Amino acid sequence: MSDAFPHPLWSLGVAWDAYQAATGEQLPPEAFTIRYPQLDPDWEFDFDDEAQMCRRLPRLTDLYYQPAEA
């Protein structure tokens, strides 16, 4: 493991420290899980389709797509 991330749960520092202070034990590895919500089905479109991107995400496409040359 690299020195940049000394422990897999390094981002849970506050909860980790509080648990250790209260119990005197290490936080169990299964203590935290991540539950990702289902994606909105409207987001099931082709991100490589410039027309759909312009319609759905106009500000983003303004940054990344070049306007057609006249």
PDB file of N, CA and C in Angstrom:
ATOM      1  N   MET A   1       0.854  -1.178   0.000  1.00  0.00           N
ATOM      2  CA  MET A   1       0.000   0.000   0.000  1.00  0.00           C
ATOM      3  C   MET A   1       0.897   1.237   0.000  1.00  0.00           C
ATOM      4  N   SER A   2       0.511   2.260  -0.757  1.00  0.00           N
ATOM      5  CA  SER A   2       1.349   3.452  -0.859  1.00  0.00           C
ATOM      6  C   SER A   2       1.243   4.301   0.416  1.00  0.00           C
ATOM      7  N   ASP A   3       2.239   5.165   0.590  1.00  0.00           N
ATOM      8  CA  ASP A   3       2.239   6.064   1.749  1.00  0.00           C
ATOM      9  C   ASP A   3       1.147   7.123   1.644  1.00  0.00           C
ATOM     10  N   ALA A   4       0.686   7.421   0.423  1.00  0.00           N
ATOM     11  CA  ALA A   4      -0.348   8.443   0.241  1.00  0.00           C
ATOM     12  C   ALA A   4      -1.668   8.012   0.874  1.00  0.00           C
ATOM     13  N   PHE A   5      -1.928   6.711   0.891  1.00  0.00           N
ATOM     14  CA  PHE A   5      -3.147   6.178   1.469  1.00  0.00           C
ATOM     15  C   PHE A   5      -2.765   5.100   2.474  1.00  0.00           C
ATOM     16  N   PRO A   6      -2.460   5.495   3.702  1.00  0.00           N
ATOM     17  CA  PRO A   6      -1.943   4.534   4.677  1.00  0.00           C
ATOM     18  C   PRO A   6      -2.943   3.460   5.102  1.00  0.00           C
ATOM     19  N   HIS A   7      -4.214   3.696   4.919  1.00  0.00           N
ATOM     20  CA  HIS A   7      -5.207   2.708   5.317  1.00  0.00           C
ATOM     21  C   HIS A   7      -6.371   2.766   4.335  1.00  0.00           C
ATOM     22  N   PRO A   8      -6.967   1.630   3.979  1.00  0.00           N
ATOM     23  CA  PRO A   8      -8.083   1.655   3.024  1.00  0.00           C
ATOM     24  C   PRO A   8      -9.246   2.530   3.453  1.00  0.00           C
ATOM     25  N   LEU A   9      -9.446   2.720   4.731  1.00  0.00           N
ATOM     26  CA  LEU A   9     -10.561   3.541   5.209  1.00  0.00           C
ATOM     27  C   LEU A   9     -10.097   4.912   5.684  1.00  0.00           C
ATOM     28  N   TRP A  10      -9.007   5.422   5.095  1.00  0.00           N
ATOM     29  CA  TRP A  10      -8.431   6.693   5.549  1.00  0.00           C
ATOM     30  C   TRP A  10      -9.423   7.844   5.499  1.00  0.00           C
ATOM     31  N   SER A  11     -10.366   7.817   4.562  1.00  0.00           N
ATOM     32  CA  SER A  11     -11.310   8.924   4.449  1.00  0.00           C
ATOM     33  C   SER A  11     -12.357   8.918   5.554  1.00  0.00           C
ATOM     34  N   LEU A  12     -12.428   7.857   6.305  1.00  0.00           N
ATOM     35  CA  LEU A  12     -13.392   7.773   7.406  1.00  0.00           C
ATOM     36  C   LEU A  12     -12.724   8.143   8.730  1.00  0.00           C
ATOM     37  N   GLY A  13     -11.748   9.009   8.680  1.00  0.00           N
ATOM     38  CA  GLY A  13     -10.924   9.343   9.835  1.00  0.00           C
ATOM     39  C   GLY A  13     -11.696   9.739  11.079  1.00  0.00           C
ATOM     40  N   VAL A  14     -12.696  10.591  10.957  1.00  0.00           N
ATOM     41  CA  VAL A  14     -13.444  11.056  12.125  1.00  0.00           C
ATOM     42  C   VAL A  14     -14.212   9.890  12.753  1.00  0.00           C
ATOM     43  N   ALA A  15     -14.936   9.132  11.919  1.00  0.00           N
ATOM     44  CA  ALA A  15     -15.688   7.990  12.443  1.00  0.00           C
ATOM     45  C   ALA A  15     -14.732   6.943  13.014  1.00  0.00           C
ATOM     46  N   TRP A  16     -13.634   6.725  12.333  1.00  0.00           N
ATOM     47  CA  TRP A  16     -12.629   5.760  12.780  1.00  0.00           C
ATOM     48  C   TRP A  16     -12.116   6.143  14.167  1.00  0.00           C
ATOM     49  N   ASP A  17     -11.703   7.408  14.314  1.00  0.00           N
ATOM     50  CA  ASP A  17     -11.159   7.878  15.594  1.00  0.00           C
ATOM     51  C   ASP A  17     -12.203   7.824  16.707  1.00  0.00           C
ATOM     52  N   ALA A  18     -13.450   8.209  16.393  1.00  0.00           N
ATOM     53  CA  ALA A  18     -14.507   8.192  17.406  1.00  0.00           C
ATOM     54  C   ALA A  18     -14.784   6.765  17.862  1.00  0.00           C
ATOM     55  N   TYR A  19     -14.859   5.831  16.927  1.00  0.00           N
ATOM     56  CA  TYR A  19     -15.111   4.436  17.281  1.00  0.00           C
ATOM     57  C   TYR A  19     -13.979   3.892  18.140  1.00  0.00           C
ATOM     58  N   GLN A  20     -12.750   4.185  17.740  1.00  0.00           N
ATOM     59  CA  GLN A  20     -11.593   3.689  18.485  1.00  0.00           C
ATOM     60  C   GLN A  20     -11.543   4.300  19.887  1.00  0.00           C
ATOM     61  N   ALA A  21     -11.875   5.584  20.016  1.00  0.00           N
ATOM     62  CA  ALA A  21     -11.879   6.231  21.325  1.00  0.00           C
ATOM     63  C   ALA A  21     -12.969   5.645  22.222  1.00  0.00           C
ATOM     64  N   ALA A  22     -14.125   5.329  21.644  1.00  0.00           N
ATOM     65  CA  ALA A  22     -15.238   4.816  22.439  1.00  0.00           C
ATOM     66  C   ALA A  22     -15.067   3.348  22.824  1.00  0.00           C
ATOM     67  N   THR A  23     -14.474   2.551  21.937  1.00  0.00           N
ATOM     68  CA  THR A  23     -14.409   1.102  22.184  1.00  0.00           C
ATOM     69  C   THR A  23     -13.012   0.592  22.490  1.00  0.00           C
ATOM     70  N   GLY A  24     -12.002   1.357  22.097  1.00  0.00           N
ATOM     71  CA  GLY A  24     -10.627   0.902  22.248  1.00  0.00           C
ATOM     72  C   GLY A  24     -10.238  -0.158  21.227  1.00  0.00           C
ATOM     73  N   GLU A  25     -11.082  -0.370  20.220  1.00  0.00           N
ATOM     74  CA  GLU A  25     -10.828  -1.384  19.193  1.00  0.00           C
ATOM     75  C   GLU A  25     -10.785  -0.744  17.812  1.00  0.00           C
ATOM     76  N   GLN A  26     -10.237  -1.510  16.851  1.00  0.00           N
ATOM     77  CA  GLN A  26     -10.231  -1.069  15.461  1.00  0.00           C
ATOM     78  C   GLN A  26     -11.641  -1.195  14.889  1.00  0.00           C
ATOM     79  N   LEU A  27     -11.968  -0.337  13.960  1.00  0.00           N
ATOM     80  CA  LEU A  27     -13.249  -0.399  13.269  1.00  0.00           C
ATOM     81  C   LEU A  27     -13.270  -1.661  12.405  1.00  0.00           C
ATOM     82  N   PRO A  28     -14.322  -2.479  12.498  1.00  0.00           N
ATOM     83  CA  PRO A  28     -14.374  -3.702  11.692  1.00  0.00           C
ATOM     84  C   PRO A  28     -14.406  -3.375  10.198  1.00  0.00           C
ATOM     85  N   PRO A  29     -13.776  -4.196   9.369  1.00  0.00           N
ATOM     86  CA  PRO A  29     -13.726  -3.918   7.923  1.00  0.00           C
ATOM     87  C   PRO A  29     -15.105  -3.829   7.269  1.00  0.00           C
ATOM     88  N   GLU A  30     -16.091  -4.549   7.786  1.00  0.00           N
ATOM     89  CA  GLU A  30     -17.417  -4.530   7.169  1.00  0.00           C
ATOM     90  C   GLU A  30     -18.315  -3.428   7.735  1.00  0.00           C
ATOM     91  N   ALA A  31     -17.762  -2.510   8.505  1.00  0.00           N
ATOM     92  CA  ALA A  31     -18.567  -1.486   9.168  1.00  0.00           C
ATOM     93  C   ALA A  31     -19.228  -0.519   8.191  1.00  0.00           C
ATOM     94  N   PHE A  32     -18.589  -0.231   7.070  1.00  0.00           N
ATOM     95  CA  PHE A  32     -19.140   0.722   6.117  1.00  0.00           C
ATOM     96  C   PHE A  32     -19.314   0.068   4.766  1.00  0.00           C
ATOM     97  N   THR A  33     -20.447   0.330   4.161  1.00  0.00           N
ATOM     98  CA  THR A  33     -20.693  -0.099   2.796  1.00  0.00           C
ATOM     99  C   THR A  33     -21.207   1.105   2.022  1.00  0.00           C
ATOM    100  N   ILE A  34     -21.045   1.047   0.731  1.00  0.00           N
ATOM    101  CA  ILE A  34     -21.520   2.125  -0.133  1.00  0.00           C
ATOM    102  C   ILE A  34     -22.684   1.585  -0.936  1.00  0.00           C
ATOM    103  N   ARG A  35     -23.775   2.288  -0.886  1.00  0.00           N
ATOM    104  CA  ARG A  35     -24.947   1.919  -1.669  1.00  0.00           C
ATOM    105  C   ARG A  35     -25.153   2.982  -2.744  1.00  0.00           C
ATOM    106  N   TYR A  36     -24.983   2.588  -3.975  1.00  0.00           N
ATOM    107  CA  TYR A  36     -25.169   3.515  -5.079  1.00  0.00           C
ATOM    108  C   TYR A  36     -26.621   3.468  -5.535  1.00  0.00           C
ATOM    109  N   PRO A  37     -27.249   4.623  -5.736  1.00  0.00           N
ATOM    110  CA  PRO A  37     -28.639   4.620  -6.211  1.00  0.00           C
ATOM    111  C   PRO A  37     -28.698   4.186  -7.675  1.00  0.00           C
ATOM    112  N   GLN A  38     -29.864   3.712  -8.072  1.00  0.00           N
ATOM    113  CA  GLN A  38     -30.065   3.369  -9.476  1.00  0.00           C
ATOM    114  C   GLN A  38     -29.981   4.648 -10.306  1.00  0.00           C
ATOM    115  N   LEU A  39     -29.361   4.549 -11.466  1.00  0.00           N
ATOM    116  CA  LEU A  39     -29.280   5.698 -12.353  1.00  0.00           C
ATOM    117  C   LEU A  39     -30.625   5.948 -13.017  1.00  0.00           C
ATOM    118  N   ASP A  40     -30.897   7.193 -13.272  1.00  0.00           N
ATOM    119  CA  ASP A  40     -32.112   7.575 -13.970  1.00  0.00           C
ATOM    120  C   ASP A  40     -32.054   6.998 -15.384  1.00  0.00           C
ATOM    121  N   PRO A  41     -33.086   6.278 -15.809  1.00  0.00           N
ATOM    122  CA  PRO A  41     -33.064   5.683 -17.151  1.00  0.00           C
ATOM    123  C   PRO A  41     -32.915   6.715 -18.269  1.00  0.00           C
ATOM    124  N   ASP A  42     -33.283   7.965 -18.007  1.00  0.00           N
ATOM    125  CA  ASP A  42     -33.111   9.007 -19.028  1.00  0.00           C
ATOM    126  C   ASP A  42     -31.640   9.241 -19.373  1.00  0.00           C
ATOM    127  N   TRP A  43     -30.748   8.792 -18.511  1.00  0.00           N
ATOM    128  CA  TRP A  43     -29.319   8.969 -18.768  1.00  0.00           C
ATOM    129  C   TRP A  43     -28.747   7.850 -19.618  1.00  0.00           C
ATOM    130  N   GLU A  44     -29.585   6.927 -20.061  1.00  0.00           N
ATOM    131  CA  GLU A  44     -29.138   5.851 -20.943  1.00  0.00           C
ATOM    132  C   GLU A  44     -29.174   6.338 -22.385  1.00  0.00           C
ATOM    133  N   PHE A  45     -28.225   7.202 -22.739  1.00  0.00           N
ATOM    134  CA  PHE A  45     -28.138   7.667 -24.114  1.00  0.00           C
ATOM    135  C   PHE A  45     -26.682   7.638 -24.533  1.00  0.00           C
ATOM    136  N   ASP A  46     -26.459   7.791 -25.808  1.00  0.00           N
ATOM    137  CA  ASP A  46     -25.114   7.716 -26.374  1.00  0.00           C
ATOM    138  C   ASP A  46     -24.391   9.050 -26.147  1.00  0.00           C
ATOM    139  N   PHE A  47     -23.414   9.039 -25.272  1.00  0.00           N
ATOM    140  CA  PHE A  47     -22.667  10.260 -24.968  1.00  0.00           C
ATOM    141  C   PHE A  47     -21.780  10.689 -26.131  1.00  0.00           C
ATOM    142  N   ASP A  48     -21.598   9.831 -27.107  1.00  0.00           N
ATOM    143  CA  ASP A  48     -20.817  10.188 -28.298  1.00  0.00           C
ATOM    144  C   ASP A  48     -21.697  10.804 -29.381  1.00  0.00           C
ATOM    145  N   ASP A  49     -22.991  10.837 -29.175  1.00  0.00           N
ATOM    146  CA  ASP A  49     -23.921  11.426 -30.136  1.00  0.00           C
ATOM    147  C   ASP A  49     -24.004  12.934 -29.857  1.00  0.00           C
ATOM    148  N   GLU A  50     -23.384  13.717 -30.725  1.00  0.00           N
ATOM    149  CA  GLU A  50     -23.293  15.159 -30.498  1.00  0.00           C
ATOM    150  C   GLU A  50     -24.662  15.830 -30.411  1.00  0.00           C
ATOM    151  N   ALA A  51     -25.620  15.396 -31.218  1.00  0.00           N
ATOM    152  CA  ALA A  51     -26.956  16.002 -31.184  1.00  0.00           C
ATOM    153  C   ALA A  51     -27.629  15.777 -29.833  1.00  0.00           C
ATOM    154  N   GLN A  52     -27.535  14.558 -29.309  1.00  0.00           N
ATOM    155  CA  GLN A  52     -28.118  14.279 -27.993  1.00  0.00           C
ATOM    156  C   GLN A  52     -27.386  15.056 -26.901  1.00  0.00           C
ATOM    157  N   MET A  53     -26.083  15.126 -26.998  1.00  0.00           N
ATOM    158  CA  MET A  53     -25.320  15.868 -25.992  1.00  0.00           C
ATOM    159  C   MET A  53     -25.702  17.348 -26.000  1.00  0.00           C
ATOM    160  N   CYS A  54     -25.854  17.922 -27.193  1.00  0.00           N
ATOM    161  CA  CYS A  54     -26.239  19.342 -27.281  1.00  0.00           C
ATOM    162  C   CYS A  54     -27.612  19.578 -26.675  1.00  0.00           C
ATOM    163  N   ARG A  55     -28.522  18.636 -26.889  1.00  0.00           N
ATOM    164  CA  ARG A  55     -29.882  18.781 -26.366  1.00  0.00           C
ATOM    165  C   ARG A  55     -29.932  18.583 -24.853  1.00  0.00           C
ATOM    166  N   ARG A  56     -29.222  17.569 -24.366  1.00  0.00           N
ATOM    167  CA  ARG A  56     -29.309  17.207 -22.953  1.00  0.00           C
ATOM    168  C   ARG A  56     -28.343  17.990 -22.057  1.00  0.00           C
ATOM    169  N   LEU A  57     -27.161  18.269 -22.561  1.00  0.00           N
ATOM    170  CA  LEU A  57     -26.125  18.925 -21.752  1.00  0.00           C
ATOM    171  C   LEU A  57     -25.510  20.084 -22.535  1.00  0.00           C
ATOM    172  N   PRO A  58     -26.276  21.135 -22.785  1.00  0.00           N
ATOM    173  CA  PRO A  58     -25.793  22.209 -23.657  1.00  0.00           C
ATOM    174  C   PRO A  58     -24.553  22.937 -23.133  1.00  0.00           C
ATOM    175  N   ARG A  59     -24.485  23.184 -21.858  1.00  0.00           N
ATOM    176  CA  ARG A  59     -23.311  23.907 -21.332  1.00  0.00           C
ATOM    177  C   ARG A  59     -22.044  23.066 -21.434  1.00  0.00           C
ATOM    178  N   LEU A  60     -22.177  21.776 -21.206  1.00  0.00           N
ATOM    179  CA  LEU A  60     -21.026  20.885 -21.331  1.00  0.00           C
ATOM    180  C   LEU A  60     -20.573  20.775 -22.779  1.00  0.00           C
ATOM    181  N   THR A  61     -21.520  20.658 -23.695  1.00  0.00           N
ATOM    182  CA  THR A  61     -21.142  20.552 -25.104  1.00  0.00           C
ATOM    183  C   THR A  61     -20.533  21.847 -25.616  1.00  0.00           C
ATOM    184  N   ASP A  62     -20.939  22.972 -25.061  1.00  0.00           N
ATOM    185  CA  ASP A  62     -20.308  24.237 -25.442  1.00  0.00           C
ATOM    186  C   ASP A  62     -18.813  24.215 -25.125  1.00  0.00           C
ATOM    187  N   LEU A  63     -18.451  23.524 -24.086  1.00  0.00           N
ATOM    188  CA  LEU A  63     -17.033  23.448 -23.706  1.00  0.00           C
ATOM    189  C   LEU A  63     -16.235  22.488 -24.573  1.00  0.00           C
ATOM    190  N   TYR A  64     -16.863  21.392 -25.027  1.00  0.00           N
ATOM    191  CA  TYR A  64     -16.104  20.312 -25.648  1.00  0.00           C
ATOM    192  C   TYR A  64     -16.336  20.115 -27.139  1.00  0.00           C
ATOM    193  N   TYR A  65     -17.427  20.591 -27.689  1.00  0.00           N
ATOM    194  CA  TYR A  65     -17.669  20.434 -29.119  1.00  0.00           C
ATOM    195  C   TYR A  65     -17.404  21.757 -29.825  1.00  0.00           C
ATOM    196  N   GLN A  66     -16.748  21.678 -30.944  1.00  0.00           N
ATOM    197  CA  GLN A  66     -16.467  22.870 -31.716  1.00  0.00           C
ATOM    198  C   GLN A  66     -17.657  23.150 -32.636  1.00  0.00           C
ATOM    199  N   PRO A  67     -18.045  24.413 -32.780  1.00  0.00           N
ATOM    200  CA  PRO A  67     -19.154  24.719 -33.689  1.00  0.00           C
ATOM    201  C   PRO A  67     -18.749  24.383 -35.133  1.00  0.00           C
ATOM    202  N   ALA A  68     -19.746  24.032 -35.932  1.00  0.00           N
ATOM    203  CA  ALA A  68     -19.490  23.691 -37.340  1.00  0.00           C
ATOM    204  C   ALA A  68     -18.998  24.923 -38.072  1.00  0.00           C
ATOM    205  N   GLU A  69     -18.019  24.723 -38.923  1.00  0.00           N
ATOM    206  CA  GLU A  69     -17.495  25.822 -39.744  1.00  0.00           C
ATOM    207  C   GLU A  69     -18.503  26.171 -40.829  1.00  0.00           C
ATOM    208  N   ALA A  70     -18.720  27.452 -41.045  1.00  0.00           N
ATOM    209  CA  ALA A  70     -19.675  27.873 -42.066  1.00  0.00           C
ATOM    210  C   ALA A  70     -19.012  27.963 -43.414  1.00  0.00           C
TER     211      ALA A  70
END
